[in-house]
N, C-alpha and C. Protein backbone atom coordinates (compact mmCIF):
# COMPACT_ATOMS: atom_id res chain seq x y z
N MET A 1 -17.71 -0.26 -0.86
CA MET A 1 -16.32 -0.49 -0.49
C MET A 1 -15.76 0.77 0.17
N LYS A 2 -15.05 0.56 1.27
CA LYS A 2 -14.40 1.66 1.98
C LYS A 2 -12.92 1.66 1.60
N LEU A 3 -12.44 2.81 1.14
CA LEU A 3 -11.09 2.95 0.62
C LEU A 3 -10.32 3.99 1.42
N LEU A 4 -9.09 3.64 1.79
CA LEU A 4 -8.18 4.59 2.45
C LEU A 4 -7.00 4.85 1.52
N ILE A 5 -6.72 6.12 1.26
CA ILE A 5 -5.59 6.52 0.42
C ILE A 5 -4.56 7.20 1.31
N VAL A 6 -3.34 6.68 1.28
CA VAL A 6 -2.26 7.21 2.13
C VAL A 6 -1.09 7.59 1.22
N ASP A 7 -0.85 8.88 1.10
CA ASP A 7 0.26 9.37 0.27
C ASP A 7 0.62 10.77 0.73
N ASP A 8 1.90 11.06 0.80
CA ASP A 8 2.33 12.39 1.26
C ASP A 8 2.15 13.46 0.20
N GLN A 9 1.85 13.07 -1.03
CA GLN A 9 1.63 14.04 -2.10
C GLN A 9 0.14 14.30 -2.27
N LYS A 10 -0.26 15.52 -1.97
CA LYS A 10 -1.68 15.87 -2.03
C LYS A 10 -2.27 15.65 -3.43
N GLY A 11 -1.49 15.95 -4.46
CA GLY A 11 -1.97 15.77 -5.84
C GLY A 11 -2.32 14.32 -6.15
N ILE A 12 -1.52 13.40 -5.66
CA ILE A 12 -1.80 11.97 -5.86
C ILE A 12 -3.08 11.58 -5.13
N ARG A 13 -3.22 12.05 -3.89
CA ARG A 13 -4.43 11.74 -3.12
C ARG A 13 -5.67 12.26 -3.85
N LYS A 14 -5.62 13.50 -4.33
CA LYS A 14 -6.76 14.09 -5.02
C LYS A 14 -7.10 13.31 -6.29
N LEU A 15 -6.09 12.93 -7.05
CA LEU A 15 -6.30 12.15 -8.27
C LEU A 15 -6.98 10.83 -7.95
N LEU A 16 -6.47 10.12 -6.95
CA LEU A 16 -7.03 8.82 -6.61
C LEU A 16 -8.46 8.94 -6.08
N ILE A 17 -8.73 9.97 -5.32
CA ILE A 17 -10.10 10.19 -4.83
C ILE A 17 -11.04 10.42 -6.00
N GLU A 18 -10.61 11.24 -6.94
CA GLU A 18 -11.42 11.53 -8.12
C GLU A 18 -11.70 10.27 -8.94
N VAL A 19 -10.66 9.47 -9.14
CA VAL A 19 -10.79 8.25 -9.95
C VAL A 19 -11.69 7.22 -9.26
N PHE A 20 -11.54 7.07 -7.95
CA PHE A 20 -12.24 5.99 -7.26
C PHE A 20 -13.56 6.39 -6.61
N ALA A 21 -13.96 7.64 -6.74
CA ALA A 21 -15.22 8.09 -6.14
C ALA A 21 -16.41 7.27 -6.66
N LYS A 22 -16.37 6.86 -7.91
CA LYS A 22 -17.50 6.10 -8.45
C LYS A 22 -17.45 4.62 -8.08
N TYR A 23 -16.33 4.15 -7.55
CA TYR A 23 -16.19 2.74 -7.18
C TYR A 23 -16.36 2.51 -5.68
N SER A 24 -16.23 3.56 -4.93
CA SER A 24 -16.20 3.43 -3.48
C SER A 24 -17.25 4.35 -2.85
N ASN A 25 -18.00 3.81 -1.89
CA ASN A 25 -19.00 4.65 -1.25
C ASN A 25 -18.42 5.50 -0.12
N GLU A 26 -17.23 5.13 0.36
CA GLU A 26 -16.56 5.92 1.39
C GLU A 26 -15.06 5.95 1.12
N ILE A 27 -14.50 7.15 1.10
CA ILE A 27 -13.06 7.30 0.90
C ILE A 27 -12.51 8.23 1.97
N GLU A 28 -11.44 7.79 2.61
CA GLU A 28 -10.70 8.63 3.55
C GLU A 28 -9.30 8.80 2.98
N GLU A 29 -8.64 9.86 3.37
CA GLU A 29 -7.27 10.11 2.92
C GLU A 29 -6.43 10.60 4.08
N CYS A 30 -5.15 10.34 3.99
CA CYS A 30 -4.21 10.91 4.96
C CYS A 30 -2.84 11.03 4.31
N ALA A 31 -1.99 11.87 4.91
CA ALA A 31 -0.72 12.23 4.30
C ALA A 31 0.49 11.49 4.86
N ASN A 32 0.27 10.63 5.88
CA ASN A 32 1.43 9.94 6.44
C ASN A 32 1.01 8.66 7.15
N GLY A 33 1.99 7.85 7.47
CA GLY A 33 1.76 6.56 8.08
C GLY A 33 1.14 6.62 9.46
N GLN A 34 1.57 7.57 10.27
CA GLN A 34 1.02 7.69 11.62
C GLN A 34 -0.47 7.99 11.58
N ALA A 35 -0.85 8.91 10.70
CA ALA A 35 -2.27 9.24 10.55
C ALA A 35 -3.05 8.01 10.07
N ALA A 36 -2.45 7.22 9.18
CA ALA A 36 -3.11 6.01 8.69
C ALA A 36 -3.39 5.05 9.84
N LEU A 37 -2.41 4.86 10.71
CA LEU A 37 -2.59 3.95 11.84
C LEU A 37 -3.67 4.43 12.80
N GLU A 38 -3.89 5.73 12.85
CA GLU A 38 -4.95 6.28 13.69
C GLU A 38 -6.33 6.13 13.05
N ILE A 39 -6.39 6.26 11.73
CA ILE A 39 -7.66 6.19 11.00
C ILE A 39 -8.16 4.75 10.84
N ILE A 40 -7.26 3.83 10.58
CA ILE A 40 -7.65 2.46 10.21
C ILE A 40 -8.57 1.78 11.23
N PRO A 41 -8.28 1.82 12.53
CA PRO A 41 -9.19 1.13 13.48
C PRO A 41 -10.61 1.71 13.49
N ARG A 42 -10.73 3.00 13.29
CA ARG A 42 -12.03 3.67 13.28
C ARG A 42 -12.76 3.47 11.96
N PHE A 43 -12.06 3.66 10.86
CA PHE A 43 -12.65 3.64 9.52
C PHE A 43 -12.87 2.22 8.99
N LYS A 44 -11.99 1.31 9.34
CA LYS A 44 -12.05 -0.10 8.89
C LYS A 44 -12.18 -0.21 7.36
N PRO A 45 -11.14 0.24 6.64
CA PRO A 45 -11.21 0.20 5.18
C PRO A 45 -11.18 -1.24 4.65
N ASP A 46 -11.79 -1.40 3.47
CA ASP A 46 -11.73 -2.68 2.77
C ASP A 46 -10.45 -2.78 1.95
N LEU A 47 -9.92 -1.62 1.55
CA LEU A 47 -8.72 -1.56 0.73
C LEU A 47 -7.93 -0.31 1.11
N ILE A 48 -6.61 -0.46 1.19
CA ILE A 48 -5.71 0.66 1.45
C ILE A 48 -4.78 0.80 0.25
N ILE A 49 -4.74 1.99 -0.32
CA ILE A 49 -3.78 2.30 -1.38
C ILE A 49 -2.77 3.23 -0.74
N MET A 50 -1.50 2.78 -0.67
CA MET A 50 -0.52 3.50 0.14
C MET A 50 0.83 3.63 -0.57
N ASP A 51 1.41 4.80 -0.41
CA ASP A 51 2.75 5.07 -0.91
C ASP A 51 3.77 4.37 -0.01
N VAL A 52 4.89 4.00 -0.57
CA VAL A 52 5.95 3.38 0.22
C VAL A 52 6.77 4.45 0.94
N LYS A 53 7.26 5.43 0.19
CA LYS A 53 8.15 6.46 0.76
C LYS A 53 7.34 7.65 1.25
N MET A 54 7.29 7.80 2.58
CA MET A 54 6.61 8.94 3.19
C MET A 54 7.47 9.39 4.37
N PRO A 55 7.39 10.66 4.72
CA PRO A 55 8.17 11.15 5.86
C PRO A 55 7.75 10.45 7.16
N GLY A 56 8.71 10.14 7.97
CA GLY A 56 8.43 9.55 9.28
C GLY A 56 8.28 8.05 9.25
N MET A 57 7.23 7.57 8.64
CA MET A 57 6.92 6.15 8.65
C MET A 57 6.61 5.71 7.22
N SER A 58 7.32 4.72 6.73
CA SER A 58 7.10 4.25 5.37
C SER A 58 5.83 3.41 5.28
N GLY A 59 5.39 3.18 4.07
CA GLY A 59 4.25 2.29 3.86
C GLY A 59 4.53 0.90 4.38
N PHE A 60 5.76 0.44 4.26
CA PHE A 60 6.13 -0.88 4.79
C PHE A 60 6.02 -0.89 6.31
N ASP A 61 6.45 0.19 6.97
CA ASP A 61 6.34 0.28 8.43
C ASP A 61 4.88 0.18 8.87
N VAL A 62 4.02 0.91 8.19
CA VAL A 62 2.59 0.88 8.51
C VAL A 62 2.05 -0.52 8.33
N LEU A 63 2.38 -1.13 7.21
CA LEU A 63 1.89 -2.47 6.91
C LEU A 63 2.38 -3.50 7.92
N LYS A 64 3.64 -3.40 8.32
CA LYS A 64 4.17 -4.32 9.33
C LYS A 64 3.39 -4.20 10.63
N LYS A 65 3.10 -2.96 11.04
CA LYS A 65 2.34 -2.75 12.28
C LYS A 65 0.93 -3.34 12.16
N LEU A 66 0.31 -3.14 11.00
CA LEU A 66 -1.03 -3.71 10.80
C LEU A 66 -1.01 -5.23 10.89
N ARG A 67 -0.06 -5.84 10.20
CA ARG A 67 0.03 -7.30 10.18
C ARG A 67 0.34 -7.85 11.57
N GLU A 68 1.18 -7.15 12.32
CA GLU A 68 1.49 -7.58 13.69
C GLU A 68 0.25 -7.59 14.57
N LYS A 69 -0.70 -6.70 14.27
CA LYS A 69 -1.95 -6.62 15.03
C LYS A 69 -3.01 -7.58 14.47
N GLY A 70 -2.64 -8.35 13.45
CA GLY A 70 -3.58 -9.29 12.87
C GLY A 70 -4.50 -8.69 11.82
N ASN A 71 -4.27 -7.45 11.44
CA ASN A 71 -5.09 -6.79 10.43
C ASN A 71 -4.68 -7.28 9.04
N GLN A 72 -5.61 -7.89 8.32
CA GLN A 72 -5.32 -8.44 7.00
C GLN A 72 -6.01 -7.66 5.88
N THR A 73 -6.24 -6.37 6.10
CA THR A 73 -6.85 -5.52 5.08
C THR A 73 -6.06 -5.60 3.79
N ARG A 74 -6.78 -5.63 2.66
CA ARG A 74 -6.14 -5.64 1.34
C ARG A 74 -5.34 -4.34 1.18
N VAL A 75 -4.11 -4.47 0.65
CA VAL A 75 -3.24 -3.30 0.49
C VAL A 75 -2.61 -3.29 -0.90
N VAL A 76 -2.63 -2.11 -1.51
CA VAL A 76 -1.90 -1.85 -2.74
C VAL A 76 -0.83 -0.84 -2.38
N LEU A 77 0.43 -1.17 -2.65
CA LEU A 77 1.53 -0.24 -2.41
C LEU A 77 1.99 0.36 -3.73
N MET A 78 2.44 1.60 -3.66
CA MET A 78 2.97 2.26 -4.85
C MET A 78 4.20 3.07 -4.47
N THR A 79 5.10 3.20 -5.44
CA THR A 79 6.32 3.95 -5.18
C THR A 79 6.90 4.48 -6.49
N ALA A 80 7.66 5.54 -6.37
CA ALA A 80 8.38 6.09 -7.52
C ALA A 80 9.83 5.60 -7.53
N TYR A 81 10.21 4.85 -6.50
CA TYR A 81 11.60 4.42 -6.34
C TYR A 81 11.75 2.94 -6.66
N SER A 82 12.79 2.64 -7.40
CA SER A 82 13.05 1.25 -7.75
C SER A 82 14.06 0.66 -6.77
N ASP A 83 13.64 -0.37 -6.07
CA ASP A 83 14.50 -1.06 -5.13
C ASP A 83 14.16 -2.54 -5.23
N PRO A 84 15.13 -3.38 -5.56
CA PRO A 84 14.83 -4.81 -5.74
C PRO A 84 14.25 -5.48 -4.50
N ASN A 85 14.52 -4.93 -3.33
CA ASN A 85 14.00 -5.52 -2.10
C ASN A 85 12.52 -5.20 -1.87
N TYR A 86 12.01 -4.16 -2.52
CA TYR A 86 10.62 -3.75 -2.31
C TYR A 86 9.64 -4.87 -2.64
N LEU A 87 9.82 -5.51 -3.78
CA LEU A 87 8.88 -6.55 -4.19
C LEU A 87 8.89 -7.73 -3.23
N ASP A 88 10.07 -8.13 -2.78
CA ASP A 88 10.17 -9.24 -1.82
C ASP A 88 9.48 -8.89 -0.51
N CYS A 89 9.72 -7.68 -0.04
CA CYS A 89 9.11 -7.23 1.21
C CYS A 89 7.60 -7.16 1.06
N ALA A 90 7.13 -6.65 -0.07
CA ALA A 90 5.70 -6.53 -0.33
C ALA A 90 5.04 -7.91 -0.32
N LYS A 91 5.66 -8.87 -0.98
CA LYS A 91 5.12 -10.24 -1.01
C LYS A 91 5.06 -10.84 0.39
N ALA A 92 6.11 -10.63 1.16
CA ALA A 92 6.17 -11.18 2.52
C ALA A 92 5.06 -10.61 3.41
N LEU A 93 4.64 -9.38 3.12
CA LEU A 93 3.60 -8.74 3.92
C LEU A 93 2.20 -8.91 3.33
N GLY A 94 2.10 -9.69 2.27
CA GLY A 94 0.79 -9.98 1.70
C GLY A 94 0.17 -8.84 0.92
N VAL A 95 1.01 -8.04 0.27
CA VAL A 95 0.50 -6.93 -0.54
C VAL A 95 -0.20 -7.50 -1.77
N GLU A 96 -1.37 -6.97 -2.04
CA GLU A 96 -2.15 -7.46 -3.18
C GLU A 96 -1.56 -7.04 -4.51
N LYS A 97 -1.08 -5.80 -4.58
CA LYS A 97 -0.53 -5.27 -5.83
C LYS A 97 0.56 -4.28 -5.47
N PHE A 98 1.59 -4.24 -6.30
CA PHE A 98 2.69 -3.30 -6.11
C PHE A 98 2.84 -2.53 -7.42
N LEU A 99 2.69 -1.22 -7.36
CA LEU A 99 2.74 -0.39 -8.57
C LEU A 99 3.87 0.63 -8.49
N PHE A 100 4.46 0.89 -9.63
CA PHE A 100 5.49 1.91 -9.72
C PHE A 100 4.89 3.17 -10.32
N LYS A 101 5.18 4.32 -9.70
CA LYS A 101 4.74 5.61 -10.22
C LYS A 101 5.64 6.01 -11.38
N PRO A 102 5.13 6.63 -12.41
CA PRO A 102 3.72 6.86 -12.62
C PRO A 102 3.02 5.55 -12.96
N PHE A 103 1.87 5.33 -12.36
CA PHE A 103 1.15 4.08 -12.55
C PHE A 103 0.01 4.26 -13.55
N ASP A 104 -0.46 3.15 -14.05
CA ASP A 104 -1.57 3.12 -14.99
C ASP A 104 -2.86 3.05 -14.15
N ILE A 105 -3.70 4.06 -14.26
CA ILE A 105 -4.95 4.10 -13.50
C ILE A 105 -5.80 2.87 -13.77
N ASN A 106 -5.82 2.41 -15.01
CA ASN A 106 -6.62 1.22 -15.34
C ASN A 106 -6.12 -0.02 -14.60
N GLU A 107 -4.82 -0.12 -14.43
CA GLU A 107 -4.26 -1.25 -13.68
C GLU A 107 -4.72 -1.20 -12.22
N LEU A 108 -4.76 0.00 -11.69
CA LEU A 108 -5.21 0.17 -10.32
C LEU A 108 -6.71 -0.09 -10.20
N LYS A 109 -7.48 0.33 -11.19
CA LYS A 109 -8.93 0.07 -11.18
C LYS A 109 -9.22 -1.43 -11.16
N ASN A 110 -8.38 -2.20 -11.84
CA ASN A 110 -8.59 -3.65 -11.88
C ASN A 110 -8.54 -4.28 -10.49
N VAL A 111 -7.85 -3.68 -9.57
CA VAL A 111 -7.78 -4.20 -8.21
C VAL A 111 -9.16 -4.13 -7.56
N LEU A 112 -9.93 -3.12 -7.92
CA LEU A 112 -11.25 -2.96 -7.33
C LEU A 112 -12.30 -3.86 -7.97
N ALA A 113 -11.99 -4.40 -9.11
CA ALA A 113 -12.97 -5.23 -9.83
C ALA A 113 -13.18 -6.57 -9.16
């Protein structure tokens, strides 16, 4: 499985890489939405784990652009911010799982099972 981790917090990226190294044969990471849009066509991930709130381009913005291009890659979104509209928007964009930080690593691992 090829995994892309998109989060502006380096500590979160490092944690997720460490946790998922045994589940994924290839992992790429990036710190913002623009970088994700550049990596995705080349890397072709099977799953994207992405933060919602990032400087410049939100996780929702990235996901909208992907869906507009017909990309149906599985996506897990995560955020530390509570907004009632987030869940509705996530569902409309076909998000597989929506997690609130701090998240349960085991819950995230279940997505890979």
